[in-house]
Amino acid sequence: MLLASPDFAFQLSKAIDDCESILLLSSAFIKLNALKALSKVISPCVDVSVVCRWKKQDILVGASDLEVYDYCRARGWKFGIDNNFHGKLYIVDETEIFLGSANLTGSGLGFTSAPNYEFGTFFPSADADMKKVEQFLDGEVTWMNDELYAAMCADVKQSKELAEPASGSFWSDEVESLINTPVNYLWVSDLPFVTPNELLHLDLNCESARHDFDMLGLNVDSLSSEDLVSHFKCSRVYAWLINRLSDDVELRFGALTKALHDALLDDPSPYRKDMKELLSNIFAWVHFMPDDFVATKHNVTTSIKRVVSQ
């Protein structure tokens, strides 16, 4: 059943109120006030895990709050981050999945006087669903500890003191070294829906272009080729591609298609024609980044390799 806000938030809150053992709250953006509001219906006996994107620019612009970690830690909840996470996924007792466009924010879940208009759905989970989620949580999420949190707080504080622009702001090398994990799994929403050339001639009336604009964290005031490459290198799909092409591996279109199909956590998986289009967009980025990748044309296909610095 497709639900529009506020029905989605009502059904989610009702399910969380009935939750008996395990709860997963995962959202690209999480605001403390929204988490506090939702926590009112969470039983103290429930094992809670919270996952957020937490790019540095998310914190600097106020899309997410650093204080969320302290709030979770004080309640004995696990808190993890994945800088390339773009999903909004809520799972109750590993039996009911809520999926949609609503971030765990006041405007996303309708806890403000002027909420966003969101869509979502919920459905019973299957074993295959939970296996994919488990793979994501075990293989992609960095679970927060006090050392990493302190480094992030110091990094954010320094950026604010220096009045650095939030757009294009990335975590320091120290923080990156603590959160850098190989990307093995993806959601369709992690993938580019258009080519880089289409982004250079941006049309935000196009839903697919708007998706990539948001997914890459772009700025309308700065859309040069260099900016696109810089932001793409911070994306989840770029990290996944680098991981697939490690150790001087060369992959052809067909092999990369299979690898992508195996990596996607979405259920159901995209149709074959959609997979080909998604791969074509990835290959367009490969051609757009000759300093990072080499594309070789064969008789009936194309292969790609990483450019390895000497």
C-alpha atoms as a PDB file:
ATOM      1  CA  MET A   1       0.000   0.000   0.000  1.00  0.00           C
ATOM      2  CA  LEU A   2       1.374   3.412  -0.987  1.00  0.00           C
ATOM      3  CA  LEU A   3       1.021   5.981   1.777  1.00  0.00           C
ATOM      4  CA  ALA A   4       1.344   9.742   1.593  1.00  0.00           C
ATOM      5  CA  SER A   5       2.387  11.792   4.573  1.00  0.00           C
ATOM      6  CA  PRO A   6       1.210  11.958   7.333  1.00  0.00           C
ATOM      7  CA  ASP A   7      -0.263   8.445   6.991  1.00  0.00           C
ATOM      8  CA  PHE A   8       3.212   6.952   6.522  1.00  0.00           C
ATOM      9  CA  ALA A   9       4.480   8.554   9.745  1.00  0.00           C
ATOM     10  CA  PHE A  10       1.342   7.433  11.608  1.00  0.00           C
ATOM     11  CA  GLN A  11       1.715   3.804  10.505  1.00  0.00           C
ATOM     12  CA  LEU A  12       5.443   3.858  11.273  1.00  0.00           C
ATOM     13  CA  SER A  13       4.874   5.274  14.765  1.00  0.00           C
ATOM     14  CA  LYS A  14       2.138   2.711  15.410  1.00  0.00           C
ATOM     15  CA  ALA A  15       4.414  -0.173  14.363  1.00  0.00           C
ATOM     16  CA  ILE A  16       7.284   1.157  16.514  1.00  0.00           C
ATOM     17  CA  ASP A  17       4.924   1.451  19.473  1.00  0.00           C
ATOM     18  CA  ASP A  18       4.146  -2.274  19.026  1.00  0.00           C
ATOM     19  CA  CYS A  19       7.819  -3.224  18.543  1.00  0.00           C
ATOM     20  CA  GLU A  20       8.908  -5.906  21.011  1.00  0.00           C
ATOM     21  CA  SER A  21      12.555  -6.734  20.346  1.00  0.00           C
ATOM     22  CA  ILE A  22      14.532  -5.213  17.427  1.00  0.00           C
ATOM     23  CA  LEU A  23      14.249  -1.869  15.650  1.00  0.00           C
ATOM     24  CA  LEU A  24      16.312  -0.393  12.815  1.00  0.00           C
ATOM     25  CA  LEU A  25      16.026   3.309  12.003  1.00  0.00           C
ATOM     26  CA  SER A  26      18.121   4.220   8.964  1.00  0.00           C
ATOM     27  CA  SER A  27      17.892   7.513   7.132  1.00  0.00           C
ATOM     28  CA  ALA A  28      20.200   9.707   5.102  1.00  0.00           C
ATOM     29  CA  PHE A  29      19.392  12.667   7.368  1.00  0.00           C
ATOM     30  CA  ILE A  30      18.514  12.491  11.073  1.00  0.00           C
ATOM     31  CA  LYS A  31      17.569  15.456  13.267  1.00  0.00           C
ATOM     32  CA  LEU A  32      17.692  15.171  17.044  1.00  0.00           C
ATOM     33  CA  ASN A  33      14.205  16.604  17.633  1.00  0.00           C
ATOM     34  CA  ALA A  34      12.663  14.068  15.238  1.00  0.00           C
ATOM     35  CA  LEU A  35      14.508  11.180  16.885  1.00  0.00           C
ATOM     36  CA  LYS A  36      13.348  12.389  20.304  1.00  0.00           C
ATOM     37  CA  ALA A  37       9.755  12.561  19.078  1.00  0.00           C
ATOM     38  CA  LEU A  38       9.906   9.051  17.643  1.00  0.00           C
ATOM     39  CA  SER A  39      11.649   7.663  20.735  1.00  0.00           C
ATOM     40  CA  LYS A  40       8.567   8.421  22.837  1.00  0.00           C
ATOM     41  CA  VAL A  41       6.953   5.268  21.454  1.00  0.00           C
ATOM     42  CA  ILE A  42      10.079   3.061  21.675  1.00  0.00           C
ATOM     43  CA  SER A  43      10.024   0.600  24.561  1.00  0.00           C
ATOM     44  CA  PRO A  44      13.180   0.562  26.760  1.00  0.00           C
ATOM     45  CA  CYS A  45      13.489  -3.196  26.191  1.00  0.00           C
ATOM     46  CA  VAL A  46      13.862  -2.834  22.399  1.00  0.00           C
ATOM     47  CA  ASP A  47      17.318  -3.292  20.813  1.00  0.00           C
ATOM     48  CA  VAL A  48      17.663  -0.173  18.647  1.00  0.00           C
ATOM     49  CA  SER A  49      20.139   0.484  15.825  1.00  0.00           C
ATOM     50  CA  VAL A  50      20.302   3.876  14.098  1.00  0.00           C
ATOM     51  CA  VAL A  51      22.115   4.477  10.799  1.00  0.00           C
ATOM     52  CA  CYS A  52      22.707   7.865   9.170  1.00  0.00           C
ATOM     53  CA  ARG A  53      24.738   9.214   6.244  1.00  0.00           C
ATOM     54  CA  TRP A  54      26.651  11.915   8.149  1.00  0.00           C
ATOM     55  CA  LYS A  55      28.618  13.540   5.389  1.00  0.00           C
ATOM     56  CA  LYS A  56      30.470  16.529   6.762  1.00  0.00           C
ATOM     57  CA  GLN A  57      28.403  18.915   4.667  1.00  0.00           C
ATOM     58  CA  ASP A  58      25.215  17.359   6.120  1.00  0.00           C
ATOM     59  CA  ILE A  59      26.348  18.433   9.584  1.00  0.00           C
ATOM     60  CA  LEU A  60      27.536  21.880   8.518  1.00  0.00           C
ATOM     61  CA  VAL A  61      24.258  22.801   6.794  1.00  0.00           C
ATOM     62  CA  GLY A  62      22.136  21.332   9.589  1.00  0.00           C
ATOM     63  CA  ALA A  63      20.605  18.471   7.603  1.00  0.00           C
ATOM     64  CA  SER A  64      21.689  16.121  10.418  1.00  0.00           C
ATOM     65  CA  ASP A  65      22.747  16.709  14.022  1.00  0.00           C
ATOM     66  CA  LEU A  66      25.963  15.551  15.694  1.00  0.00           C
ATOM     67  CA  GLU A  67      24.078  15.318  18.997  1.00  0.00           C
ATOM     68  CA  VAL A  68      22.201  12.272  17.678  1.00  0.00           C
ATOM     69  CA  TYR A  69      25.149  10.056  18.654  1.00  0.00           C
ATOM     70  CA  ASP A  70      25.123  11.280  22.273  1.00  0.00           C
ATOM     71  CA  TYR A  71      21.378  10.679  22.424  1.00  0.00           C
ATOM     72  CA  CYS A  72      21.737   7.137  21.094  1.00  0.00           C
ATOM     73  CA  ARG A  73      24.703   6.301  23.321  1.00  0.00           C
ATOM     74  CA  ALA A  74      22.860   7.509  26.444  1.00  0.00           C
ATOM     75  CA  ARG A  75      20.075   5.021  25.662  1.00  0.00           C
ATOM     76  CA  GLY A  76      22.345   2.119  24.808  1.00  0.00           C
ATOM     77  CA  TRP A  77      21.413   2.270  21.113  1.00  0.00           C
ATOM     78  CA  LYS A  78      23.901   1.418  18.388  1.00  0.00           C
ATOM     79  CA  PHE A  79      24.677   4.293  16.029  1.00  0.00           C
ATOM     80  CA  GLY A  80      26.380   3.809  12.671  1.00  0.00           C
ATOM     81  CA  ILE A  81      27.210   5.873   9.626  1.00  0.00           C
ATOM     82  CA  ASP A  82      27.670   5.333   5.930  1.00  0.00           C
ATOM     83  CA  ASN A  83      28.741   8.524   4.157  1.00  0.00           C
ATOM     84  CA  ASN A  84      27.235   7.279   0.898  1.00  0.00           C
ATOM     85  CA  PHE A  85      23.901   6.102   2.309  1.00  0.00           C
ATOM     86  CA  HIS A  86      20.882   7.668   0.623  1.00  0.00           C
ATOM     87  CA  GLY A  87      18.056   5.401   1.797  1.00  0.00           C
ATOM     88  CA  LYS A  88      15.172   5.777   4.235  1.00  0.00           C
ATOM     89  CA  LEU A  89      14.571   2.331   5.724  1.00  0.00           C
ATOM     90  CA  TYR A  90      12.808   1.394   8.952  1.00  0.00           C
ATOM     91  CA  ILE A  91      12.496  -2.241  10.108  1.00  0.00           C
ATOM     92  CA  VAL A  92      10.367  -3.363  13.054  1.00  0.00           C
ATOM     93  CA  ASP A  93      11.092  -6.712  14.763  1.00  0.00           C
ATOM     94  CA  GLU A  94      12.662  -7.945  11.502  1.00  0.00           C
ATOM     95  CA  THR A  95       9.122  -8.667  10.306  1.00  0.00           C
ATOM     96  CA  GLU A  96       7.875  -5.353   8.927  1.00  0.00           C
ATOM     97  CA  ILE A  97       9.717  -3.040   6.533  1.00  0.00           C
ATOM     98  CA  PHE A  98       8.881   0.629   6.005  1.00  0.00           C
ATOM     99  CA  LEU A  99      10.460   2.146   2.913  1.00  0.00           C
ATOM    100  CA  GLY A 100       9.937   5.541   1.317  1.00  0.00           C
ATOM    101  CA  SER A 101      11.167   9.079   0.828  1.00  0.00           C
ATOM    102  CA  ALA A 102      10.805  10.296   4.440  1.00  0.00           C
ATOM    103  CA  ASN A 103      14.019  11.137   6.269  1.00  0.00           C
ATOM    104  CA  LEU A 104      14.088  10.926  10.055  1.00  0.00           C
ATOM    105  CA  THR A 105      13.595  14.671  10.387  1.00  0.00           C
ATOM    106  CA  GLY A 106      10.754  16.861  11.557  1.00  0.00           C
ATOM    107  CA  SER A 107       9.801  17.838   8.035  1.00  0.00           C
ATOM    108  CA  GLY A 108      10.291  14.310   6.718  1.00  0.00           C
ATOM    109  CA  LEU A 109       8.024  12.604   9.261  1.00  0.00           C
ATOM    110  CA  GLY A 110       5.572  15.450   9.674  1.00  0.00           C
ATOM    111  CA  PHE A 111       6.607  16.563  13.168  1.00  0.00           C
ATOM    112  CA  THR A 112       6.591  20.247  12.126  1.00  0.00           C
ATOM    113  CA  SER A 113       3.891  22.721  11.154  1.00  0.00           C
ATOM    114  CA  ALA A 114       5.143  22.750   7.537  1.00  0.00           C
ATOM    115  CA  PRO A 115       6.119  19.139   6.709  1.00  0.00           C
ATOM    116  CA  ASN A 116       7.377  17.803   3.415  1.00  0.00           C
ATOM    117  CA  TYR A 117       4.982  15.799   1.271  1.00  0.00           C
ATOM    118  CA  GLU A 118       6.452  12.303   1.303  1.00  0.00           C
ATOM    119  CA  PHE A 119       5.480   8.873  -0.021  1.00  0.00           C
ATOM    120  CA  GLY A 120       6.213   5.480   1.471  1.00  0.00           C
ATOM    121  CA  THR A 121       5.027   1.942   1.878  1.00  0.00           C
ATOM    122  CA  PHE A 122       5.321  -0.971   4.287  1.00  0.00           C
ATOM    123  CA  PHE A 123       5.277  -4.713   3.791  1.00  0.00           C
ATOM    124  CA  PRO A 124       6.164  -7.957   5.592  1.00  0.00           C
ATOM    125  CA  SER A 125       9.860  -8.794   5.408  1.00  0.00           C
ATOM    126  CA  ALA A 126      11.181 -11.952   3.780  1.00  0.00           C
ATOM    127  CA  ASP A 127      14.337 -13.884   4.651  1.00  0.00           C
ATOM    128  CA  ALA A 128      15.983 -12.526   1.495  1.00  0.00           C
ATOM    129  CA  ASP A 129      15.193  -8.968   2.588  1.00  0.00           C
ATOM    130  CA  MET A 130      16.761  -9.417   5.995  1.00  0.00           C
ATOM    131  CA  LYS A 131      19.842 -11.069   4.498  1.00  0.00           C
ATOM    132  CA  LYS A 132      20.426  -8.021   2.309  1.00  0.00           C
ATOM    133  CA  VAL A 133      19.965  -5.681   5.255  1.00  0.00           C
ATOM    134  CA  GLU A 134      22.340  -7.770   7.363  1.00  0.00           C
ATOM    135  CA  GLN A 135      24.949  -7.618   4.606  1.00  0.00           C
ATOM    136  CA  PHE A 136      24.571  -3.847   4.479  1.00  0.00           C
ATOM    137  CA  LEU A 137      24.846  -3.391   8.252  1.00  0.00           C
ATOM    138  CA  ASP A 138      27.815  -5.755   8.603  1.00  0.00           C
ATOM    139  CA  GLY A 139      29.722  -4.774   5.479  1.00  0.00           C
ATOM    140  CA  GLU A 140      28.996  -1.113   4.803  1.00  0.00           C
ATOM    141  CA  VAL A 141      28.174   0.663   8.066  1.00  0.00           C
ATOM    142  CA  THR A 142      30.870   2.082  10.345  1.00  0.00           C
ATOM    143  CA  TRP A 143      29.597   1.759  13.903  1.00  0.00           C
ATOM    144  CA  MET A 144      30.375   4.884  15.882  1.00  0.00           C
ATOM    145  CA  ASN A 145      32.721   5.004  18.853  1.00  0.00           C
ATOM    146  CA  ASP A 146      33.921   7.862  21.035  1.00  0.00           C
ATOM    147  CA  GLU A 147      37.253   8.208  19.187  1.00  0.00           C
ATOM    148  CA  LEU A 148      35.596   8.681  15.805  1.00  0.00           C
ATOM    149  CA  TYR A 149      32.935  10.971  17.269  1.00  0.00           C
ATOM    150  CA  ALA A 150      35.549  13.204  18.902  1.00  0.00           C
ATOM    151  CA  ALA A 151      37.483  13.451  15.624  1.00  0.00           C
ATOM    152  CA  MET A 152      34.308  14.404  13.749  1.00  0.00           C
ATOM    153  CA  CYS A 153      33.331  17.022  16.323  1.00  0.00           C
ATOM    154  CA  ALA A 154      36.796  18.592  16.139  1.00  0.00           C
ATOM    155  CA  ASP A 155      36.671  18.556  12.331  1.00  0.00           C
ATOM    156  CA  VAL A 156      33.264  20.268  12.258  1.00  0.00           C
ATOM    157  CA  LYS A 157      34.339  22.816  14.870  1.00  0.00           C
ATOM    158  CA  GLN A 158      37.417  23.751  12.835  1.00  0.00           C
ATOM    159  CA  SER A 159      35.372  24.194   9.645  1.00  0.00           C
ATOM    160  CA  LYS A 160      32.920  26.479  11.448  1.00  0.00           C
ATOM    161  CA  GLU A 161      35.722  28.549  12.983  1.00  0.00           C
ATOM    162  CA  LEU A 162      37.328  28.956   9.550  1.00  0.00           C
ATOM    163  CA  ALA A 163      33.914  29.719   8.009  1.00  0.00           C
ATOM    164  CA  GLU A 164      34.510  27.117   5.328  1.00  0.00           C
ATOM    165  CA  PRO A 165      31.708  26.739   2.751  1.00  0.00           C
ATOM    166  CA  ALA A 166      29.592  23.670   3.467  1.00  0.00           C
ATOM    167  CA  SER A 167      29.230  22.726  -0.186  1.00  0.00           C
ATOM    168  CA  GLY A 168      32.018  20.393  -1.210  1.00  0.00           C
ATOM    169  CA  SER A 169      33.293  20.103   2.353  1.00  0.00           C
ATOM    170  CA  PHE A 170      34.726  16.665   3.137  1.00  0.00           C
ATOM    171  CA  TRP A 171      35.936  14.923   6.260  1.00  0.00           C
ATOM    172  CA  SER A 172      39.602  15.267   7.168  1.00  0.00           C
ATOM    173  CA  ASP A 173      42.071  12.505   6.357  1.00  0.00           C
ATOM    174  CA  GLU A 174      42.027  11.484  10.022  1.00  0.00           C
ATOM    175  CA  VAL A 175      38.262  10.976  10.000  1.00  0.00           C
ATOM    176  CA  GLU A 176      38.297   9.292   6.589  1.00  0.00           C
ATOM    177  CA  SER A 177      40.880   6.790   7.821  1.00  0.00           C
ATOM    178  CA  LEU A 178      38.539   5.832  10.655  1.00  0.00           C
ATOM    179  CA  ILE A 179      35.404   5.409   8.528  1.00  0.00           C
ATOM    180  CA  ASN A 180      36.813   4.124   5.255  1.00  0.00           C
ATOM    181  CA  THR A 181      35.363   0.676   4.528  1.00  0.00           C
ATOM    182  CA  PRO A 182      35.031  -1.128   1.185  1.00  0.00           C
ATOM    183  CA  VAL A 183      31.635  -0.730  -0.470  1.00  0.00           C
ATOM    184  CA  ASN A 184      30.234  -4.112  -1.481  1.00  0.00           C
ATOM    185  CA  TYR A 185      26.508  -3.411  -1.673  1.00  0.00           C
ATOM    186  CA  LEU A 186      24.389  -0.701  -3.268  1.00  0.00           C
ATOM    187  CA  TRP A 187      20.844   0.551  -3.527  1.00  0.00           C
ATOM    188  CA  VAL A 188      19.491   1.687  -6.882  1.00  0.00           C
ATOM    189  CA  SER A 189      19.273   5.180  -5.372  1.00  0.00           C
ATOM    190  CA  ASP A 190      23.097   5.128  -5.015  1.00  0.00           C
ATOM    191  CA  LEU A 191      23.483   4.922  -8.813  1.00  0.00           C
ATOM    192  CA  PRO A 192      23.589   7.757 -11.363  1.00  0.00           C
ATOM    193  CA  PHE A 193      20.319   8.135 -13.261  1.00  0.00           C
ATOM    194  CA  VAL A 194      21.794  10.484 -15.882  1.00  0.00           C
ATOM    195  CA  THR A 195      25.174  11.059 -17.499  1.00  0.00           C
ATOM    196  CA  PRO A 196      27.698  13.661 -16.305  1.00  0.00           C
ATOM    197  CA  ASN A 197      27.138  15.667 -19.481  1.00  0.00           C
ATOM    198  CA  GLU A 198      23.455  15.889 -18.623  1.00  0.00           C
ATOM    199  CA  LEU A 199      24.413  17.262 -15.211  1.00  0.00           C
ATOM    200  CA  LEU A 200      26.640  19.872 -16.830  1.00  0.00           C
ATOM    201  CA  HIS A 201      23.494  21.025 -18.673  1.00  0.00           C
ATOM    202  CA  LEU A 202      21.355  20.633 -15.577  1.00  0.00           C
ATOM    203  CA  ASP A 203      17.563  20.612 -15.802  1.00  0.00           C
ATOM    204  CA  LEU A 204      16.064  20.247 -12.341  1.00  0.00           C
ATOM    205  CA  ASN A 205      12.665  19.697 -13.917  1.00  0.00           C
ATOM    206  CA  CYS A 206      14.011  16.274 -14.873  1.00  0.00           C
ATOM    207  CA  GLU A 207      13.418  13.890 -11.960  1.00  0.00           C
ATOM    208  CA  SER A 208      16.443  11.725 -12.821  1.00  0.00           C
ATOM    209  CA  ALA A 209      18.760  14.737 -12.994  1.00  0.00           C
ATOM    210  CA  ARG A 210      17.353  16.009  -9.705  1.00  0.00           C
ATOM    211  CA  HIS A 211      18.109  12.616  -8.124  1.00  0.00           C
ATOM    212  CA  ASP A 212      21.772  12.787  -9.180  1.00  0.00           C
ATOM    213  CA  PHE A 213      22.028  16.421  -8.112  1.00  0.00           C
ATOM    214  CA  ASP A 214      20.874  15.476  -4.597  1.00  0.00           C
ATOM    215  CA  MET A 215      22.734  12.160  -4.468  1.00  0.00           C
ATOM    216  CA  LEU A 216      26.067  13.813  -5.314  1.00  0.00           C
ATOM    217  CA  GLY A 217      25.444  16.868  -3.127  1.00  0.00           C
ATOM    218  CA  LEU A 218      25.995  19.308  -5.994  1.00  0.00           C
ATOM    219  CA  ASN A 219      25.667  23.088  -5.911  1.00  0.00           C
ATOM    220  CA  VAL A 220      23.876  25.023  -8.665  1.00  0.00           C
ATOM    221  CA  ASP A 221      26.487  27.772  -8.341  1.00  0.00           C
ATOM    222  CA  SER A 222      29.313  25.379  -9.171  1.00  0.00           C
ATOM    223  CA  LEU A 223      28.746  22.782 -11.869  1.00  0.00           C
ATOM    224  CA  SER A 224      32.088  22.493 -13.614  1.00  0.00           C
ATOM    225  CA  SER A 225      33.590  19.213 -14.783  1.00  0.00           C
ATOM    226  CA  GLU A 226      36.036  19.391 -11.898  1.00  0.00           C
ATOM    227  CA  ASP A 227      33.205  19.792  -9.387  1.00  0.00           C
ATOM    228  CA  LEU A 228      31.333  16.827 -10.820  1.00  0.00           C
ATOM    229  CA  VAL A 229      34.396  14.601 -10.628  1.00  0.00           C
ATOM    230  CA  SER A 230      35.174  15.722  -7.076  1.00  0.00           C
ATOM    231  CA  HIS A 231      31.655  14.941  -5.856  1.00  0.00           C
ATOM    232  CA  PHE A 232      31.400  11.679  -7.783  1.00  0.00           C
ATOM    233  CA  LYS A 233      34.593  10.463  -6.101  1.00  0.00           C
ATOM    234  CA  CYS A 234      32.782  10.796  -2.771  1.00  0.00           C
ATOM    235  CA  SER A 235      29.805   8.755  -3.947  1.00  0.00           C
ATOM    236  CA  ARG A 236      28.979   5.237  -2.924  1.00  0.00           C
ATOM    237  CA  VAL A 237      28.936   3.972  -6.511  1.00  0.00           C
ATOM    238  CA  TYR A 238      32.464   5.291  -7.123  1.00  0.00           C
ATOM    239  CA  ALA A 239      33.738   3.486  -4.006  1.00  0.00           C
ATOM    240  CA  TRP A 240      31.996   0.301  -5.163  1.00  0.00           C
ATOM    241  CA  LEU A 241      33.514   0.597  -8.637  1.00  0.00           C
ATOM    242  CA  ILE A 242      37.005   1.153  -7.248  1.00  0.00           C
ATOM    243  CA  ASN A 243      36.546  -1.919  -5.062  1.00  0.00           C
ATOM    244  CA  ARG A 244      35.511  -4.025  -8.071  1.00  0.00           C
ATOM    245  CA  LEU A 245      38.503  -2.835 -10.110  1.00  0.00           C
ATOM    246  CA  SER A 246      41.180  -3.390  -7.484  1.00  0.00           C
ATOM    247  CA  ASP A 247      44.385  -5.325  -8.170  1.00  0.00           C
ATOM    248  CA  ASP A 248      44.586  -4.329 -11.843  1.00  0.00           C
ATOM    249  CA  VAL A 249      41.270  -6.059 -12.644  1.00  0.00           C
ATOM    250  CA  GLU A 250      39.697  -5.363 -16.040  1.00  0.00           C
ATOM    251  CA  LEU A 251      35.938  -5.846 -16.350  1.00  0.00           C
ATOM    252  CA  ARG A 252      33.773  -5.980 -19.455  1.00  0.00           C
ATOM    253  CA  PHE A 253      30.245  -4.627 -19.665  1.00  0.00           C
ATOM    254  CA  GLY A 254      28.644  -8.036 -19.084  1.00  0.00           C
ATOM    255  CA  ALA A 255      30.788  -8.881 -16.066  1.00  0.00           C
ATOM    256  CA  LEU A 256      30.147  -5.495 -14.511  1.00  0.00           C
ATOM    257  CA  THR A 257      26.420  -5.914 -15.128  1.00  0.00           C
ATOM    258  CA  LYS A 258      26.454  -9.177 -13.154  1.00  0.00           C
ATOM    259  CA  ALA A 259      28.543  -7.625 -10.391  1.00  0.00           C
ATOM    260  CA  LEU A 260      26.098  -4.728 -10.097  1.00  0.00           C
ATOM    261  CA  HIS A 261      23.090  -7.048 -10.120  1.00  0.00           C
ATOM    262  CA  ASP A 262      24.646  -9.086  -7.276  1.00  0.00           C
ATOM    263  CA  ALA A 263      25.455  -5.931  -5.296  1.00  0.00           C
ATOM    264  CA  LEU A 264      21.984  -4.359  -5.362  1.00  0.00           C
ATOM    265  CA  LEU A 265      19.968  -4.688  -2.163  1.00  0.00           C
ATOM    266  CA  ASP A 266      16.661  -3.552  -3.708  1.00  0.00           C
ATOM    267  CA  ASP A 267      13.857  -6.094  -3.889  1.00  0.00           C
ATOM    268  CA  PRO A 268      12.646  -6.514  -6.532  1.00  0.00           C
ATOM    269  CA  SER A 269      15.767  -5.887  -8.596  1.00  0.00           C
ATOM    270  CA  PRO A 270      15.548  -3.531 -11.592  1.00  0.00           C
ATOM    271  CA  TYR A 271      14.386  -4.902 -14.929  1.00  0.00           C
ATOM    272  CA  ARG A 272      17.093  -5.916 -17.380  1.00  0.00           C
ATOM    273  CA  LYS A 273      16.550  -2.857 -19.600  1.00  0.00           C
ATOM    274  CA  ASP A 274      16.867  -0.608 -16.549  1.00  0.00           C
ATOM    275  CA  MET A 275      20.073  -2.377 -15.512  1.00  0.00           C
ATOM    276  CA  LYS A 276      21.564  -1.702 -18.933  1.00  0.00           C
ATOM    277  CA  GLU A 277      20.676   1.972 -18.669  1.00  0.00           C
ATOM    278  CA  LEU A 278      22.156   2.224 -15.174  1.00  0.00           C
ATOM    279  CA  LEU A 279      25.372   0.570 -16.382  1.00  0.00           C
ATOM    280  CA  SER A 280      25.479   2.866 -19.382  1.00  0.00           C
ATOM    281  CA  ASN A 281      25.401   5.852 -17.031  1.00  0.00           C
ATOM    282  CA  ILE A 282      28.250   4.370 -14.979  1.00  0.00           C
ATOM    283  CA  PHE A 283      30.270   3.849 -18.167  1.00  0.00           C
ATOM    284  CA  ALA A 284      29.534   7.470 -19.101  1.00  0.00           C
ATOM    285  CA  TRP A 285      31.190   8.504 -15.845  1.00  0.00           C
ATOM    286  CA  VAL A 286      34.127   6.232 -16.649  1.00  0.00           C
ATOM    287  CA  HIS A 287      34.632   8.028 -19.976  1.00  0.00           C
ATOM    288  CA  PHE A 288      34.218  11.349 -18.136  1.00  0.00           C
ATOM    289  CA  MET A 289      37.123  10.523 -15.780  1.00  0.00           C
ATOM    290  CA  PRO A 290      40.128   9.524 -17.949  1.00  0.00           C
ATOM    291  CA  ASP A 291      42.522  10.265 -15.079  1.00  0.00           C
ATOM    292  CA  ASP A 292      40.867   7.494 -13.060  1.00  0.00           C
ATOM    293  CA  PHE A 293      39.725   4.914 -15.609  1.00  0.00           C
ATOM    294  CA  VAL A 294      40.718   3.459 -18.971  1.00  0.00           C
ATOM    295  CA  ALA A 295      37.911   2.278 -21.268  1.00  0.00           C
ATOM    296  CA  THR A 296      38.820  -0.113 -24.087  1.00  0.00           C
ATOM    297  CA  LYS A 297      36.466  -0.746 -26.987  1.00  0.00           C
ATOM    298  CA  HIS A 298      36.287  -4.365 -28.208  1.00  0.00           C
ATOM    299  CA  ASN A 299      34.321  -5.884 -31.093  1.00  0.00           C
ATOM    300  CA  VAL A 300      30.987  -6.119 -29.289  1.00  0.00           C
ATOM    301  CA  THR A 301      31.643  -4.700 -25.836  1.00  0.00           C
ATOM    302  CA  THR A 302      33.732  -2.317 -23.743  1.00  0.00           C
ATOM    303  CA  SER A 303      36.003  -3.055 -20.799  1.00  0.00           C
ATOM    304  CA  ILE A 304      37.275  -0.745 -18.076  1.00  0.00           C
ATOM    305  CA  LYS A 305      40.328  -0.647 -15.784  1.00  0.00           C
ATOM    306  CA  ARG A 306      41.577   1.715 -13.131  1.00  0.00           C
ATOM    307  CA  VAL A 307      44.417   4.095 -13.834  1.00  0.00           C
ATOM    308  CA  VAL A 308      47.015   3.191 -11.241  1.00  0.00           C
ATOM    309  CA  SER A 309      49.442   5.946 -10.283  1.00  0.00           C
ATOM    310  CA  GLN A 310      53.081   4.970 -10.565  1.00  0.00           C
END
